[in-house]
Amino acid sequence: MRRETQQLLDKAQRAVVAAETLLDHGDADFAAGRAYYAMFYVAEALLHEKDLRSRKHSGVIALFGETFAKTGAMDAKFHRWLLDAFDKRILADYGVEAVLTREDSAQMIAQAREFLDTVRRLLERKA
């Protein structure tokens, strides 16, 4: 595994922990943002292993879908989770009123953790 890939996975782990901490302190909106970023860093890490990059979030999400979900290299649910998390992050970051529930954010955190754990196992097997 490349050094930058490992750094992105470590950053994803820190984002999951931050999301859990924020949720524990009653901040579902900001927890959702960190959960999304955890998934985003995981997607970036996978793409990095294939020398694929994008400057935009939408580009990373699209490349992940094309490279891993559509090909069957990974379960398509991870792409769906990433898309949904992006939408929820936008609502949480830019909505004036709290729009996400504790349950919404807890689900996103669980998905981020599963995505991270799955990718770590995948990359360790290839090492």
Protein backbone atom coordinates (compact mmCIF):
# COMPACT_ATOMS: atom_id res chain seq x y z
CA MET A 1 0.00 0.00 0.00
CA ARG A 2 1.30 3.42 -0.91
CA ARG A 3 2.23 5.90 1.78
CA GLU A 4 -0.40 8.47 0.76
CA THR A 5 -3.06 5.75 0.66
CA GLN A 6 -2.25 4.83 4.26
CA GLN A 7 -2.35 8.50 5.24
CA LEU A 8 -5.80 8.89 3.70
CA LEU A 9 -7.05 5.82 5.55
CA ASP A 10 -5.61 7.16 8.80
CA LYS A 11 -7.34 10.47 8.14
CA ALA A 12 -10.59 8.59 7.52
CA GLN A 13 -10.17 6.84 10.87
CA ARG A 14 -9.68 10.18 12.61
CA ALA A 15 -12.79 11.54 10.87
CA VAL A 16 -14.86 8.59 12.15
CA VAL A 17 -13.64 9.19 15.70
CA ALA A 18 -14.36 12.92 15.37
CA ALA A 19 -17.87 12.12 14.08
CA GLU A 20 -18.52 9.84 17.05
CA THR A 21 -17.29 12.50 19.47
CA LEU A 22 -19.46 15.19 17.87
CA LEU A 23 -22.49 12.91 17.98
CA ASP A 24 -21.82 12.07 21.63
CA HIS A 25 -21.91 15.81 22.32
CA GLY A 26 -25.27 16.20 20.58
CA ASP A 27 -24.08 17.71 17.32
CA ALA A 28 -25.66 15.51 14.65
CA ASP A 29 -25.10 17.95 11.77
CA PHE A 30 -21.36 18.30 12.26
CA ALA A 31 -21.06 14.57 13.00
CA ALA A 32 -22.63 13.87 9.60
CA GLY A 33 -20.04 16.09 7.95
CA ARG A 34 -17.16 14.18 9.50
CA ALA A 35 -18.79 10.84 8.59
CA TYR A 36 -19.05 11.98 4.98
CA TYR A 37 -15.41 13.06 4.94
CA ALA A 38 -14.38 9.68 6.34
CA MET A 39 -16.07 8.00 3.36
CA PHE A 40 -14.60 10.55 0.97
CA TYR A 41 -11.04 9.88 2.23
CA VAL A 42 -11.59 6.12 1.85
CA ALA A 43 -12.73 6.61 -1.75
CA GLU A 44 -9.71 8.84 -2.41
CA ALA A 45 -7.40 6.19 -0.94
CA LEU A 46 -8.74 3.51 -3.27
CA LEU A 47 -8.47 5.78 -6.27
CA HIS A 48 -4.94 6.76 -5.28
CA GLU A 49 -3.92 3.10 -5.44
CA LYS A 50 -4.97 3.17 -9.11
CA ASP A 51 -3.34 6.55 -9.84
CA LEU A 52 -6.75 8.20 -10.25
CA ARG A 53 -7.51 11.63 -8.84
CA SER A 54 -10.03 14.42 -9.07
CA ARG A 55 -10.00 17.95 -7.69
CA LYS A 56 -13.74 17.92 -7.03
CA HIS A 57 -15.82 15.88 -4.63
CA SER A 58 -18.22 15.03 -7.45
CA GLY A 59 -15.28 13.77 -9.50
CA VAL A 60 -14.01 11.51 -6.71
CA ILE A 61 -17.50 10.12 -6.20
CA ALA A 62 -18.00 9.52 -9.94
CA LEU A 63 -14.56 7.91 -10.36
CA PHE A 64 -15.19 5.66 -7.38
CA GLY A 65 -18.51 4.57 -8.87
CA GLU A 66 -17.03 3.90 -12.31
CA THR A 67 -13.88 2.18 -11.06
CA PHE A 68 -15.18 0.11 -8.17
CA ALA A 69 -18.98 -0.08 -8.02
CA LYS A 70 -19.84 -0.52 -11.70
CA THR A 71 -17.06 -3.05 -12.22
CA GLY A 72 -18.09 -5.12 -9.21
CA ALA A 73 -14.69 -4.64 -7.58
CA MET A 74 -16.62 -3.42 -4.53
CA ASP A 75 -20.21 -3.73 -3.42
CA ALA A 76 -22.23 -0.94 -5.04
CA LYS A 77 -23.72 -0.10 -1.63
CA PHE A 78 -20.53 1.79 -0.79
CA HIS A 79 -21.05 4.09 -3.75
CA ARG A 80 -24.70 4.62 -2.76
CA TRP A 81 -23.61 5.41 0.82
CA LEU A 82 -21.04 7.91 -0.45
CA LEU A 83 -23.63 9.63 -2.66
CA ASP A 84 -26.17 9.77 0.16
CA ALA A 85 -23.56 11.01 2.65
CA PHE A 86 -22.56 13.80 0.26
CA ASP A 87 -26.18 14.96 0.02
CA LYS A 88 -26.65 14.83 3.80
CA ARG A 89 -23.40 16.68 4.38
CA ILE A 90 -24.59 19.48 2.10
CA LEU A 91 -27.88 19.69 4.03
CA ALA A 92 -26.07 19.67 7.37
CA ASP A 93 -23.45 22.24 6.38
CA TYR A 94 -25.66 24.70 4.57
CA GLY A 95 -29.05 24.25 6.19
CA VAL A 96 -29.95 26.92 8.72
CA GLU A 97 -32.00 24.62 10.92
CA ALA A 98 -30.77 21.27 12.18
CA VAL A 99 -31.98 18.86 9.53
CA LEU A 100 -30.34 15.58 10.45
CA THR A 101 -31.32 13.46 13.40
CA ARG A 102 -29.02 11.66 15.75
CA GLU A 103 -30.10 8.41 14.07
CA ASP A 104 -29.22 9.77 10.61
CA SER A 105 -25.72 10.63 11.74
CA ALA A 106 -25.25 7.40 13.69
CA GLN A 107 -26.14 5.45 10.55
CA MET A 108 -23.67 7.47 8.48
CA ILE A 109 -20.93 6.83 11.04
CA ALA A 110 -21.63 3.09 11.00
CA GLN A 111 -21.49 3.11 7.20
CA ALA A 112 -18.24 5.09 7.21
CA ARG A 113 -16.69 2.61 9.64
CA GLU A 114 -17.81 -0.38 7.55
CA PHE A 115 -16.48 1.26 4.36
CA LEU A 116 -13.13 1.97 6.02
CA ASP A 117 -12.82 -1.51 7.52
CA THR A 118 -13.73 -3.17 4.22
CA VAL A 119 -11.18 -1.16 2.25
CA ARG A 120 -8.44 -1.76 4.81
CA ARG A 121 -9.02 -5.53 4.56
CA LEU A 122 -9.09 -5.33 0.76
CA LEU A 123 -5.81 -3.40 0.55
CA GLU A 124 -4.08 -5.56 3.16
CA ARG A 125 -4.93 -8.70 1.15
CA LYS A 126 -3.37 -7.14 -1.93
CA ALA A 127 -0.18 -6.19 -0.07
